[in-house]
N, C-alpha and C. Protein backbone atom coordinates (compact mmCIF):
# COMPACT_ATOMS: atom_id res chain seq x y z
N UNK A 1 13.71 5.66 -2.70
CA UNK A 1 13.46 6.66 -1.99
C UNK A 1 12.90 6.23 -0.67
N UNK A 2 13.42 6.97 0.51
CA UNK A 2 13.07 6.49 1.73
C UNK A 2 11.76 7.29 2.08
N UNK A 3 10.65 6.27 2.77
CA UNK A 3 9.53 6.92 3.33
C UNK A 3 9.94 7.87 4.45
N UNK A 4 9.55 9.17 4.29
CA UNK A 4 9.87 10.38 5.12
C UNK A 4 8.57 10.55 6.28
N UNK A 5 7.46 10.11 5.92
CA UNK A 5 6.25 10.38 6.78
C UNK A 5 5.33 9.52 6.46
N UNK A 6 4.41 9.32 7.47
CA UNK A 6 3.09 8.31 7.21
C UNK A 6 2.14 9.03 6.30
N UNK A 7 1.70 8.27 5.48
CA UNK A 7 0.35 8.58 4.48
C UNK A 7 -0.60 7.66 4.39
N UNK A 8 -1.77 8.13 3.86
CA UNK A 8 -2.87 7.24 3.56
C UNK A 8 -3.30 7.52 2.39
N UNK A 9 -3.97 6.49 1.76
CA UNK A 9 -4.73 7.01 0.39
C UNK A 9 -5.88 6.00 0.34
N UNK A 10 -7.16 6.31 -0.10
CA UNK A 10 -8.16 5.52 -0.12
C UNK A 10 -9.23 5.45 1.04
N UNK A 11 -10.19 4.62 1.08
CA UNK A 11 -11.15 4.75 2.11
C UNK A 11 -11.59 3.18 2.46
N UNK A 12 -12.53 3.02 3.55
CA UNK A 12 -12.91 1.65 3.97
C UNK A 12 -14.38 1.49 3.35
N UNK A 13 -14.62 2.38 2.29
CA UNK A 13 -16.02 2.17 1.70
C UNK A 13 -16.01 0.84 0.78
N UNK A 14 -17.18 0.35 0.68
CA UNK A 14 -17.24 -0.68 -0.11
C UNK A 14 -16.73 -0.55 -1.64
N UNK A 15 -15.92 -1.47 -2.04
CA UNK A 15 -15.40 -1.56 -3.48
C UNK A 15 -14.02 -0.52 -3.48
N UNK A 16 -13.58 -0.14 -2.18
CA UNK A 16 -12.40 0.67 -2.13
C UNK A 16 -11.35 0.01 -1.25
N UNK A 17 -10.20 0.45 -1.12
CA UNK A 17 -9.23 0.04 -0.43
C UNK A 17 -8.35 1.11 0.42
N UNK A 18 -7.93 1.02 1.70
CA UNK A 18 -7.35 1.86 2.35
C UNK A 18 -5.72 1.63 2.56
N UNK A 19 -4.87 2.24 2.13
CA UNK A 19 -3.35 1.95 2.17
C UNK A 19 -2.71 2.92 2.94
N UNK A 20 -2.09 2.27 3.88
CA UNK A 20 -1.41 3.20 4.97
C UNK A 20 -0.05 2.90 4.84
N UNK A 21 0.94 3.87 4.69
CA UNK A 21 2.12 3.66 4.79
C UNK A 21 3.06 4.53 5.93
N UNK A 22 3.99 3.87 6.79
CA UNK A 22 4.59 4.47 7.72
C UNK A 22 6.04 4.12 7.55
N UNK A 23 6.93 5.24 7.95
CA UNK A 23 8.33 4.95 7.92
C UNK A 23 8.89 3.92 8.85
N UNK A 24 10.01 3.34 8.56
CA UNK A 24 10.68 2.37 9.33
C UNK A 24 12.06 2.70 9.45
N UNK A 25 12.75 2.40 10.53
CA UNK A 25 14.09 2.78 10.75
C UNK A 25 15.08 1.86 9.66
N UNK A 26 14.71 0.60 9.39
CA UNK A 26 15.57 -0.06 8.65
C UNK A 26 15.19 0.25 6.96
N UNK A 27 15.95 -0.30 6.12
CA UNK A 27 15.47 -0.07 4.76
C UNK A 27 14.40 -1.02 4.14
N UNK A 28 13.95 -1.86 4.96
CA UNK A 28 12.91 -2.92 4.52
C UNK A 28 11.61 -2.43 4.25
N UNK A 29 10.84 -3.43 3.40
CA UNK A 29 9.41 -3.00 3.34
C UNK A 29 8.62 -4.23 4.01
N UNK A 30 7.88 -3.86 4.71
CA UNK A 30 6.93 -4.86 5.40
C UNK A 30 5.49 -4.45 5.13
N UNK A 31 4.60 -5.53 4.45
CA UNK A 31 3.59 -5.49 3.83
C UNK A 31 2.75 -6.14 4.58
N UNK A 32 1.24 -5.76 5.04
CA UNK A 32 0.46 -6.56 5.79
C UNK A 32 -1.00 -6.30 4.92
N UNK A 33 -1.71 -7.35 4.69
CA UNK A 33 -2.95 -7.35 4.06
C UNK A 33 -4.01 -7.88 4.69
N UNK A 34 -5.12 -6.96 4.79
CA UNK A 34 -6.42 -7.62 5.33
C UNK A 34 -7.31 -7.27 4.18
N UNK A 35 -8.40 -8.45 3.95
CA UNK A 35 -9.29 -8.16 2.77
C UNK A 35 -10.61 -9.03 3.28
N UNK A 36 -11.62 -8.30 2.73
CA UNK A 36 -13.02 -9.15 2.77
C UNK A 36 -12.95 -10.36 1.86
N UNK A 37 -12.26 -10.46 0.83
CA UNK A 37 -11.96 -11.35 -0.05
C UNK A 37 -10.50 -12.09 -0.05
N UNK A 38 -9.82 -12.04 1.10
CA UNK A 38 -8.64 -12.53 1.42
C UNK A 38 -8.50 -13.98 0.70
N UNK A 39 -9.36 -15.03 0.91
CA UNK A 39 -9.20 -16.37 0.63
C UNK A 39 -9.07 -16.29 -0.90
N UNK A 40 -9.90 -15.58 -1.62
CA UNK A 40 -9.88 -15.67 -3.16
C UNK A 40 -8.66 -14.98 -3.66
N UNK A 41 -8.47 -13.67 -3.10
CA UNK A 41 -7.44 -12.73 -3.74
C UNK A 41 -6.15 -12.26 -2.98
N UNK A 42 -6.18 -12.73 -1.75
CA UNK A 42 -5.05 -12.30 -0.78
C UNK A 42 -3.74 -12.48 -1.58
N UNK A 43 -3.62 -13.51 -1.98
CA UNK A 43 -2.05 -13.57 -2.58
C UNK A 43 -1.80 -12.73 -3.71
N UNK A 44 -2.85 -12.30 -4.62
CA UNK A 44 -2.68 -11.36 -5.56
C UNK A 44 -2.56 -10.00 -5.13
N UNK A 45 -3.33 -9.54 -4.04
CA UNK A 45 -3.43 -8.32 -3.40
C UNK A 45 -1.91 -8.25 -3.01
N UNK A 46 -1.26 -8.98 -2.28
CA UNK A 46 -0.01 -8.93 -1.69
C UNK A 46 1.04 -8.83 -3.02
N UNK A 47 0.88 -9.44 -4.12
CA UNK A 47 1.87 -9.62 -5.18
C UNK A 47 1.65 -8.15 -5.81
N UNK A 48 0.57 -7.52 -6.07
CA UNK A 48 0.20 -6.19 -6.42
C UNK A 48 1.04 -5.14 -5.69
N UNK A 49 0.73 -5.37 -4.39
CA UNK A 49 1.46 -4.31 -3.32
C UNK A 49 2.97 -4.47 -3.26
N UNK A 50 3.67 -5.61 -3.65
CA UNK A 50 5.03 -5.90 -3.79
C UNK A 50 5.52 -5.16 -5.00
N UNK A 51 4.75 -5.42 -6.26
CA UNK A 51 5.10 -4.96 -7.36
C UNK A 51 5.12 -3.41 -7.49
N UNK A 52 4.13 -2.75 -7.02
CA UNK A 52 3.98 -1.49 -6.86
C UNK A 52 5.07 -0.84 -5.90
N UNK A 53 5.41 -1.44 -4.82
CA UNK A 53 6.49 -0.77 -3.91
C UNK A 53 7.88 -1.07 -4.72
N UNK A 54 7.97 -2.05 -5.31
CA UNK A 54 9.32 -2.23 -6.07
C UNK A 54 9.33 -1.14 -7.38
N UNK A 55 8.26 -0.86 -7.95
CA UNK A 55 8.18 0.13 -9.16
C UNK A 55 8.56 1.47 -8.57
N UNK A 56 8.00 1.70 -7.40
CA UNK A 56 8.10 3.20 -6.84
C UNK A 56 9.67 3.49 -6.22
N UNK A 57 10.18 2.39 -5.85
CA UNK A 57 11.50 2.50 -5.36
C UNK A 57 11.51 2.79 -3.95
N UNK A 58 10.47 2.82 -3.21
CA UNK A 58 10.29 3.17 -1.72
C UNK A 58 11.04 2.17 -0.85
N UNK A 59 11.64 2.73 0.10
CA UNK A 59 12.57 1.91 1.01
C UNK A 59 12.16 2.37 2.50
N UNK A 60 12.25 1.57 3.46
CA UNK A 60 11.97 1.75 4.84
C UNK A 60 10.58 2.11 5.11
N UNK A 61 9.77 1.14 4.86
CA UNK A 61 8.18 1.48 5.04
C UNK A 61 7.52 0.33 5.53
N UNK A 62 6.40 0.51 6.33
CA UNK A 62 5.48 -0.43 6.59
C UNK A 62 4.22 -0.20 5.94
N UNK A 63 3.86 -1.08 5.18
CA UNK A 63 2.63 -0.87 4.30
C UNK A 63 1.44 -1.70 4.75
N UNK A 64 0.33 -1.11 5.11
CA UNK A 64 -0.81 -1.79 5.53
C UNK A 64 -1.85 -1.62 4.34
N UNK A 65 -2.49 -2.68 3.86
CA UNK A 65 -3.51 -2.73 2.88
C UNK A 65 -4.87 -3.21 3.56
N UNK A 66 -5.75 -2.55 3.67
CA UNK A 66 -7.07 -3.04 4.18
C UNK A 66 -8.16 -2.77 3.00
N UNK A 67 -8.28 -3.99 2.32
CA UNK A 67 -9.18 -4.07 1.29
C UNK A 67 -10.61 -4.30 1.53
N UNK A 68 -11.55 -3.60 0.75
CA UNK A 68 -12.87 -3.90 0.96
C UNK A 68 -13.54 -4.21 -0.45
N UNK A 69 -12.72 -4.89 -1.27
CA UNK A 69 -13.46 -5.64 -2.47
C UNK A 69 -12.91 -4.61 -3.72
N UNK A 70 -11.79 -3.92 -3.59
CA UNK A 70 -11.38 -3.02 -4.68
C UNK A 70 -10.94 -3.60 -5.85
N UNK A 71 -11.19 -3.24 -7.04
CA UNK A 71 -10.62 -3.62 -8.41
C UNK A 71 -9.02 -3.46 -8.18
N UNK A 72 -8.43 -4.22 -9.22
CA UNK A 72 -6.80 -4.28 -9.03
C UNK A 72 -6.39 -2.77 -9.56
N UNK A 73 -7.05 -2.05 -10.36
CA UNK A 73 -6.67 -0.88 -10.87
C UNK A 73 -6.78 0.29 -9.68
N UNK A 74 -7.91 0.16 -8.96
CA UNK A 74 -8.13 0.88 -7.78
C UNK A 74 -6.87 0.66 -6.77
N UNK A 75 -6.63 -0.58 -6.53
CA UNK A 75 -5.59 -0.97 -5.60
C UNK A 75 -4.29 -0.22 -5.90
N UNK A 76 -3.85 -0.47 -7.21
CA UNK A 76 -2.70 0.10 -7.84
C UNK A 76 -2.51 1.65 -7.79
N UNK A 77 -3.76 2.32 -7.86
CA UNK A 77 -3.67 3.90 -7.69
C UNK A 77 -3.52 4.28 -6.31
N UNK A 78 -4.21 3.61 -5.35
CA UNK A 78 -4.10 3.76 -3.98
C UNK A 78 -2.64 3.64 -3.50
N UNK A 79 -2.05 2.61 -3.76
CA UNK A 79 -0.75 2.25 -3.41
C UNK A 79 0.15 3.36 -4.07
N UNK A 80 0.09 3.73 -5.41
CA UNK A 80 0.94 4.70 -5.98
C UNK A 80 0.88 6.06 -5.17
N UNK A 81 -0.26 6.44 -4.85
CA UNK A 81 -0.62 7.68 -4.40
C UNK A 81 -0.07 7.74 -2.81
N UNK A 82 -0.23 6.70 -2.02
CA UNK A 82 0.28 6.65 -0.66
C UNK A 82 1.76 6.59 -0.70
N UNK A 83 2.38 6.01 -1.74
CA UNK A 83 3.91 5.91 -1.73
C UNK A 83 4.43 7.29 -2.02
N UNK A 84 3.86 7.86 -2.93
CA UNK A 84 4.14 9.37 -3.52
C UNK A 84 4.13 10.25 -2.13
N UNK A 85 2.96 10.20 -1.47
CA UNK A 85 2.69 11.14 -0.45
C UNK A 85 3.73 10.77 0.74
N UNK A 86 4.26 9.50 0.89
CA UNK A 86 5.14 8.99 2.04
C UNK A 86 6.62 9.65 1.70
N UNK A 87 6.70 9.82 0.38
CA UNK A 87 8.25 10.32 0.04
C UNK A 87 8.33 11.64 -0.52
N UNK A 88 7.39 12.42 -0.61
CA UNK A 88 7.50 13.73 -1.14
C UNK A 88 8.23 14.64 0.16
N UNK A 89 8.86 15.58 -0.37
CA UNK A 89 9.64 16.39 0.58
C UNK A 89 8.72 17.69 0.66
N UNK A 90 8.25 18.23 1.84
CA UNK A 90 7.54 19.42 1.89
C UNK A 90 8.13 20.55 2.15
């Protein structure tokens, strides 16, 4: 599914994560990660974002993950919601 519009899910509150998705002209996925715990969990956060993107089937999107110490289940929920919002037709 092609990203049709920009979307966000989550917040910058402590123990949450803000996920932003923006459409790209090509069919690639670009993922950027910022986190207060990047040293410990940066690779895992990126891996979860890549897994969620592949599972959703999203194409042509820039994904920005700004983590404030969220649990993995929260990260997955925010990613899923942002991908769904970016691909839904209105």
